[in-house]
Structure formats: structure tokens, C-alpha cells
PDB file of N, CA and C in Angstrom:
ATOM      1  N   MET A   1     -30.699 -62.939  -7.529  1.00  0.00           N
ATOM      2  CA  MET A   1     -29.339 -62.412  -6.867  1.00  0.00           C
ATOM      3  C   MET A   1     -28.170 -62.708  -7.729  1.00  0.00           C
ATOM      4  N   ASP A   2     -27.380 -61.793  -7.758  1.00  0.00           N
ATOM      5  CA  ASP A   2     -26.255 -61.783  -8.653  1.00  0.00           C
ATOM      6  C   ASP A   2     -25.088 -62.469  -7.691  1.00  0.00           C
ATOM      7  N   SER A   3     -24.548 -63.481  -8.066  1.00  0.00           N
ATOM      8  CA  SER A   3     -23.383 -64.217  -7.399  1.00  0.00           C
ATOM      9  C   SER A   3     -22.202 -63.296  -7.406  1.00  0.00           C
ATOM     10  N   LYS A   4     -22.039 -62.487  -8.447  1.00  0.00           N
ATOM     11  CA  LYS A   4     -20.894 -61.678  -8.655  1.00  0.00           C
ATOM     12  C   LYS A   4     -20.833 -60.529  -7.555  1.00  0.00           C
ATOM     13  N   LEU A   5     -21.979 -60.050  -7.209  1.00  0.00           N
ATOM     14  CA  LEU A   5     -21.900 -59.091  -6.210  1.00  0.00           C
ATOM     15  C   LEU A   5     -21.965 -59.571  -4.844  1.00  0.00           C
ATOM     16  N   GLU A   6     -22.435 -60.650  -4.448  1.00  0.00           N
ATOM     17  CA  GLU A   6     -22.325 -61.157  -3.108  1.00  0.00           C
ATOM     18  C   GLU A   6     -21.331 -62.373  -3.006  1.00  0.00           C
ATOM     19  N   PRO A   7     -20.179 -62.222  -2.417  1.00  0.00           N
ATOM     20  CA  PRO A   7     -19.133 -63.436  -2.447  1.00  0.00           C
ATOM     21  C   PRO A   7     -19.726 -64.369  -1.556  1.00  0.00           C
ATOM     22  N   SER A   8     -19.275 -65.782  -1.677  1.00  0.00           N
ATOM     23  CA  SER A   8     -19.852 -66.865  -1.049  1.00  0.00           C
ATOM     24  C   SER A   8     -19.418 -66.741   0.448  1.00  0.00           C
ATOM     25  N   ASP A   9     -19.891 -67.506   1.305  1.00  0.00           N
ATOM     26  CA  ASP A   9     -19.248 -67.609   2.712  1.00  0.00           C
ATOM     27  C   ASP A   9     -17.973 -68.219   2.748  1.00  0.00           C
ATOM     28  N   GLU A  10     -17.687 -69.169   1.786  1.00  0.00           N
ATOM     29  CA  GLU A  10     -16.300 -69.577   1.714  1.00  0.00           C
ATOM     30  C   GLU A  10     -15.442 -68.607   1.241  1.00  0.00           C
ATOM     31  N   ALA A  11     -15.697 -67.842   0.256  1.00  0.00           N
ATOM     32  CA  ALA A  11     -14.778 -66.722  -0.076  1.00  0.00           C
ATOM     33  C   ALA A  11     -14.648 -65.647   1.211  1.00  0.00           C
ATOM     34  N   GLN A  12     -15.603 -65.318   1.768  1.00  0.00           N
ATOM     35  CA  GLN A  12     -15.411 -64.386   2.932  1.00  0.00           C
ATOM     36  C   GLN A  12     -14.415 -64.941   4.048  1.00  0.00           C
ATOM     37  N   GLY A  13     -14.790 -66.428   4.186  1.00  0.00           N
ATOM     38  CA  GLY A  13     -14.005 -67.099   5.233  1.00  0.00           C
ATOM     39  C   GLY A  13     -12.473 -66.913   4.849  1.00  0.00           C
ATOM     40  N   LEU A  14     -12.163 -67.233   3.520  1.00  0.00           N
ATOM     41  CA  LEU A  14     -10.823 -67.191   3.218  1.00  0.00           C
ATOM     42  C   LEU A  14     -10.186 -65.789   3.353  1.00  0.00           C
ATOM     43  N   ARG A  15     -10.992 -64.731   3.083  1.00  0.00           N
ATOM     44  CA  ARG A  15     -10.444 -63.427   3.243  1.00  0.00           C
ATOM     45  C   ARG A  15     -10.366 -63.076   4.694  1.00  0.00           C
ATOM     46  N   LEU A  16     -11.008 -63.642   5.582  1.00  0.00           N
ATOM     47  CA  LEU A  16     -10.811 -63.427   6.916  1.00  0.00           C
ATOM     48  C   LEU A  16      -9.534 -64.125   7.473  1.00  0.00           C
ATOM     49  N   VAL A  17      -9.358 -65.371   6.996  1.00  0.00           N
ATOM     50  CA  VAL A  17      -7.995 -66.180   7.457  1.00  0.00           C
ATOM     51  C   VAL A  17      -6.806 -65.432   6.894  1.00  0.00           C
ATOM     52  N   ARG A  18      -6.878 -65.018   5.537  1.00  0.00           N
ATOM     53  CA  ARG A  18      -5.685 -64.262   5.052  1.00  0.00           C
ATOM     54  C   ARG A  18      -5.459 -62.961   5.763  1.00  0.00           C
ATOM     55  N   ALA A  19      -6.501 -62.383   6.062  1.00  0.00           N
ATOM     56  CA  ALA A  19      -6.296 -61.137   6.823  1.00  0.00           C
ATOM     57  C   ALA A  19      -5.632 -61.260   8.237  1.00  0.00           C
ATOM     58  N   PHE A  20      -6.073 -62.424   8.888  1.00  0.00           N
ATOM     59  CA  PHE A  20      -5.688 -62.958  10.308  1.00  0.00           C
ATOM     60  C   PHE A  20      -4.188 -63.129   9.987  1.00  0.00           C
ATOM     61  N   LEU A  21      -3.889 -64.127   9.077  1.00  0.00           N
ATOM     62  CA  LEU A  21      -2.485 -64.621   8.939  1.00  0.00           C
ATOM     63  C   LEU A  21      -1.600 -63.425   8.540  1.00  0.00           C
ATOM     64  N   SER A  22      -2.041 -62.252   7.966  1.00  0.00           N
ATOM     65  CA  SER A  22      -1.133 -61.174   7.480  1.00  0.00           C
ATOM     66  C   SER A  22      -0.731 -60.306   8.700  1.00  0.00           C
ATOM     67  N   LEU A  23      -1.505 -60.277   9.786  1.00  0.00           N
ATOM     68  CA  LEU A  23      -1.263 -59.606  11.009  1.00  0.00           C
ATOM     69  C   LEU A  23      -0.082 -60.036  11.687  1.00  0.00           C
ATOM     70  N   PRO A  24       0.782 -59.120  12.356  1.00  0.00           N
ATOM     71  CA  PRO A  24       1.876 -59.520  13.045  1.00  0.00           C
ATOM     72  C   PRO A  24       1.521 -60.331  14.191  1.00  0.00           C
ATOM     73  N   PRO A  25       2.448 -61.078  14.745  1.00  0.00           N
ATOM     74  CA  PRO A  25       2.028 -62.151  15.666  1.00  0.00           C
ATOM     75  C   PRO A  25       1.460 -61.631  17.081  1.00  0.00           C
ATOM     76  N   GLU A  26       1.849 -60.419  17.438  1.00  0.00           N
ATOM     77  CA  GLU A  26       1.290 -59.665  18.612  1.00  0.00           C
ATOM     78  C   GLU A  26      -0.200 -59.256  18.459  1.00  0.00           C
ATOM     79  N   LYS A  27      -0.449 -58.944  17.168  1.00  0.00           N
ATOM     80  CA  LYS A  27      -1.871 -58.606  16.889  1.00  0.00           C
ATOM     81  C   LYS A  27      -2.743 -59.946  16.733  1.00  0.00           C
ATOM     82  N   ARG A  28      -2.223 -60.918  16.158  1.00  0.00           N
ATOM     83  CA  ARG A  28      -2.798 -62.344  16.164  1.00  0.00           C
ATOM     84  C   ARG A  28      -3.250 -62.648  17.605  1.00  0.00           C
ATOM     85  N   ALA A  29      -2.316 -62.531  18.491  1.00  0.00           N
ATOM     86  CA  ALA A  29      -2.681 -62.794  19.974  1.00  0.00           C
ATOM     87  C   ALA A  29      -3.555 -62.152  20.432  1.00  0.00           C
ATOM     88  N   GLU A  30      -3.801 -60.729  20.165  1.00  0.00           N
ATOM     89  CA  GLU A  30      -4.851 -60.018  20.629  1.00  0.00           C
ATOM     90  C   GLU A  30      -6.217 -60.442  20.026  1.00  0.00           C
ATOM     91  N   VAL A  31      -6.160 -60.821  18.721  1.00  0.00           N
ATOM     92  CA  VAL A  31      -7.352 -61.296  18.150  1.00  0.00           C
ATOM     93  C   VAL A  31      -8.031 -62.608  18.858  1.00  0.00           C
ATOM     94  N   ILE A  32      -6.899 -63.609  19.066  1.00  0.00           N
ATOM     95  CA  ILE A  32      -7.296 -64.764  19.591  1.00  0.00           C
ATOM     96  C   ILE A  32      -7.859 -64.474  21.079  1.00  0.00           C
ATOM     97  N   ALA A  33      -7.182 -63.527  21.784  1.00  0.00           N
ATOM     98  CA  ALA A  33      -7.703 -63.329  23.105  1.00  0.00           C
ATOM     99  C   ALA A  33      -9.159 -62.786  23.095  1.00  0.00           C
ATOM    100  N   PHE A  34      -9.305 -61.954  22.169  1.00  0.00           N
ATOM    101  CA  PHE A  34     -10.629 -61.200  22.102  1.00  0.00           C
ATOM    102  C   PHE A  34     -11.681 -62.275  21.691  1.00  0.00           C
ATOM    103  N   VAL A  35     -11.444 -63.291  20.667  1.00  0.00           N
ATOM    104  CA  VAL A  35     -12.399 -64.208  20.395  1.00  0.00           C
ATOM    105  C   VAL A  35     -12.609 -65.153  21.561  1.00  0.00           C
ATOM    106  N   GLU A  36     -11.574 -65.581  22.356  1.00  0.00           N
ATOM    107  CA  GLU A  36     -11.851 -66.488  23.473  1.00  0.00           C
ATOM    108  C   GLU A  36     -12.660 -65.637  24.458  1.00  0.00           C
ATOM    109  N   ASP A  37     -12.541 -64.252  24.641  1.00  0.00           N
ATOM    110  CA  ASP A  37     -13.427 -63.445  25.481  1.00  0.00           C
ATOM    111  C   ASP A  37     -14.905 -63.827  25.123  1.00  0.00           C
ATOM    112  N   LEU A  38     -15.084 -63.632  23.902  1.00  0.00           N
ATOM    113  CA  LEU A  38     -16.482 -63.521  23.161  1.00  0.00           C
ATOM    114  C   LEU A  38     -17.039 -65.059  23.432  1.00  0.00           C
ATOM    115  N   VAL A  39     -16.329 -65.971  23.325  1.00  0.00           N
ATOM    116  CA  VAL A  39     -16.740 -67.352  23.407  1.00  0.00           C
ATOM    117  C   VAL A  39     -17.136 -67.549  25.045  1.00  0.00           C
ATOM    118  N   ARG A  40     -16.309 -67.082  25.731  1.00  0.00           N
ATOM    119  CA  ARG A  40     -16.539 -67.290  27.311  1.00  0.00           C
ATOM    120  C   ARG A  40     -18.011 -66.470  27.695  1.00  0.00           C
ATOM    121  N   ALA A  41     -18.018 -65.274  26.973  1.00  0.00           N
ATOM    122  CA  ALA A  41     -19.239 -64.484  27.292  1.00  0.00           C
ATOM    123  C   ALA A  41     -20.404 -65.330  26.791  1.00  0.00           C
ATOM    124  N   GLN A  42     -20.334 -65.744  25.621  1.00  0.00           N
ATOM    125  CA  GLN A  42     -21.495 -66.459  24.793  1.00  0.00           C
ATOM    126  C   GLN A  42     -21.873 -67.544  25.981  1.00  0.00           C
ATOM    127  N   ALA A  43     -20.875 -68.466  26.223  1.00  0.00           N
ATOM    128  CA  ALA A  43     -21.244 -69.558  27.210  1.00  0.00           C
ATOM    129  C   ALA A  43     -21.901 -69.253  28.416  1.00  0.00           C
ATOM    130  N   ARG A  44     -21.353 -68.066  29.041  1.00  0.00           N
ATOM    131  CA  ARG A  44     -22.088 -67.757  30.409  1.00  0.00           C
ATOM    132  C   ARG A  44     -23.352 -67.314  30.066  1.00  0.00           C
ATOM    133  N   SER A  45     -23.613 -66.555  28.903  1.00  0.00           N
ATOM    134  CA  SER A  45     -25.024 -66.017  28.748  1.00  0.00           C
ATOM    135  C   SER A  45     -26.059 -67.239  28.424  1.00  0.00           C
ATOM    136  N   GLU A  46     -25.550 -68.434  27.624  1.00  0.00           N
ATOM    137  CA  GLU A  46     -26.326 -69.448  27.482  1.00  0.00           C
ATOM    138  C   GLU A  46     -26.504 -70.366  28.781  1.00  0.00           C
ATOM    139  N   ASP A  47     -25.441 -70.238  29.753  1.00  0.00           N
ATOM    140  CA  ASP A  47     -25.676 -71.091  30.912  1.00  0.00           C
ATOM    141  C   ASP A  47     -26.567 -70.573  31.692  1.00  0.00           C
ATOM    142  N   GLY A  48     -26.866 -69.100  31.715  1.00  0.00           N
ATOM    143  CA  GLY A  48     -27.832 -68.392  32.528  1.00  0.00           C
ATOM    144  C   GLY A  48     -29.273 -68.366  32.101  1.00  0.00           C
ATOM    145  N   LYS A  49     -29.542 -68.984  30.702  1.00  0.00           N
ATOM    146  CA  LYS A  49     -30.907 -69.041  30.225  1.00  0.00           C
ATOM    147  C   LYS A  49     -31.707 -70.109  30.917  1.00  0.00           C
ATOM    148  N   GLU A  50     -32.831 -69.921  30.911  1.00  0.00           N
ATOM    149  CA  GLU A  50     -33.718 -71.072  31.320  1.00  0.00           C
ATOM    150  C   GLU A  50     -34.412 -71.624  30.188  1.00  0.00           C
ATOM    151  N   VAL A  51     -34.758 -72.747  30.210  1.00  0.00           N
ATOM    152  CA  VAL A  51     -35.598 -73.394  28.898  1.00  0.00           C
ATOM    153  C   VAL A  51     -37.022 -72.833  29.129  1.00  0.00           C
ATOM    154  N   SER A  52     -37.535 -72.143  28.128  1.00  0.00           N
ATOM    155  CA  SER A  52     -38.877 -71.626  28.111  1.00  0.00           C
ATOM    156  C   SER A  52     -39.971 -72.634  27.439  1.00  0.00           C
ATOM    157  N   PRO A  53     -41.192 -72.583  28.139  1.00  0.00           N
ATOM    158  CA  PRO A  53     -41.961 -73.653  27.447  1.00  0.00           C
ATOM    159  C   PRO A  53     -42.425 -73.063  26.087  1.00  0.00           C
ATOM    160  N   VAL A  54     -42.638 -73.935  25.409  1.00  0.00           N
ATOM    161  CA  VAL A  54     -43.166 -73.722  23.906  1.00  0.00           C
ATOM    162  C   VAL A  54     -44.687 -73.359  23.805  1.00  0.00           C
TER     163      VAL A  54
END
């Protein structure tokens, strides 16, 4: 695997942070609300799962 072709997770994370910070404040608020909705949906789906026997 050529590390030049695939950026590290840290590099991708930094790009996401920079992109987020470059947004205007109202768009940042939309992104935050969207992520909060995703987290709530994930929590609800995990709460509804039953433990399955192995």
C-alpha cells in the first residue's frame, strides 16, 4: 500500500475540521444539528436491540 495515495485518518480528520470551520456560522449550526440527530437515531436503534446468544 502506498501511503502517498491514501491519506491517514489523522489527515482526513484535519481536513474535515478545516472544512467545518470554513463554513459560515449558520451552516455550522446545521451540521451540528444533523450530527446530533444521527447520534440520537443511533442511540435509539441500539436501545431497541436485544442481546443475541452467541
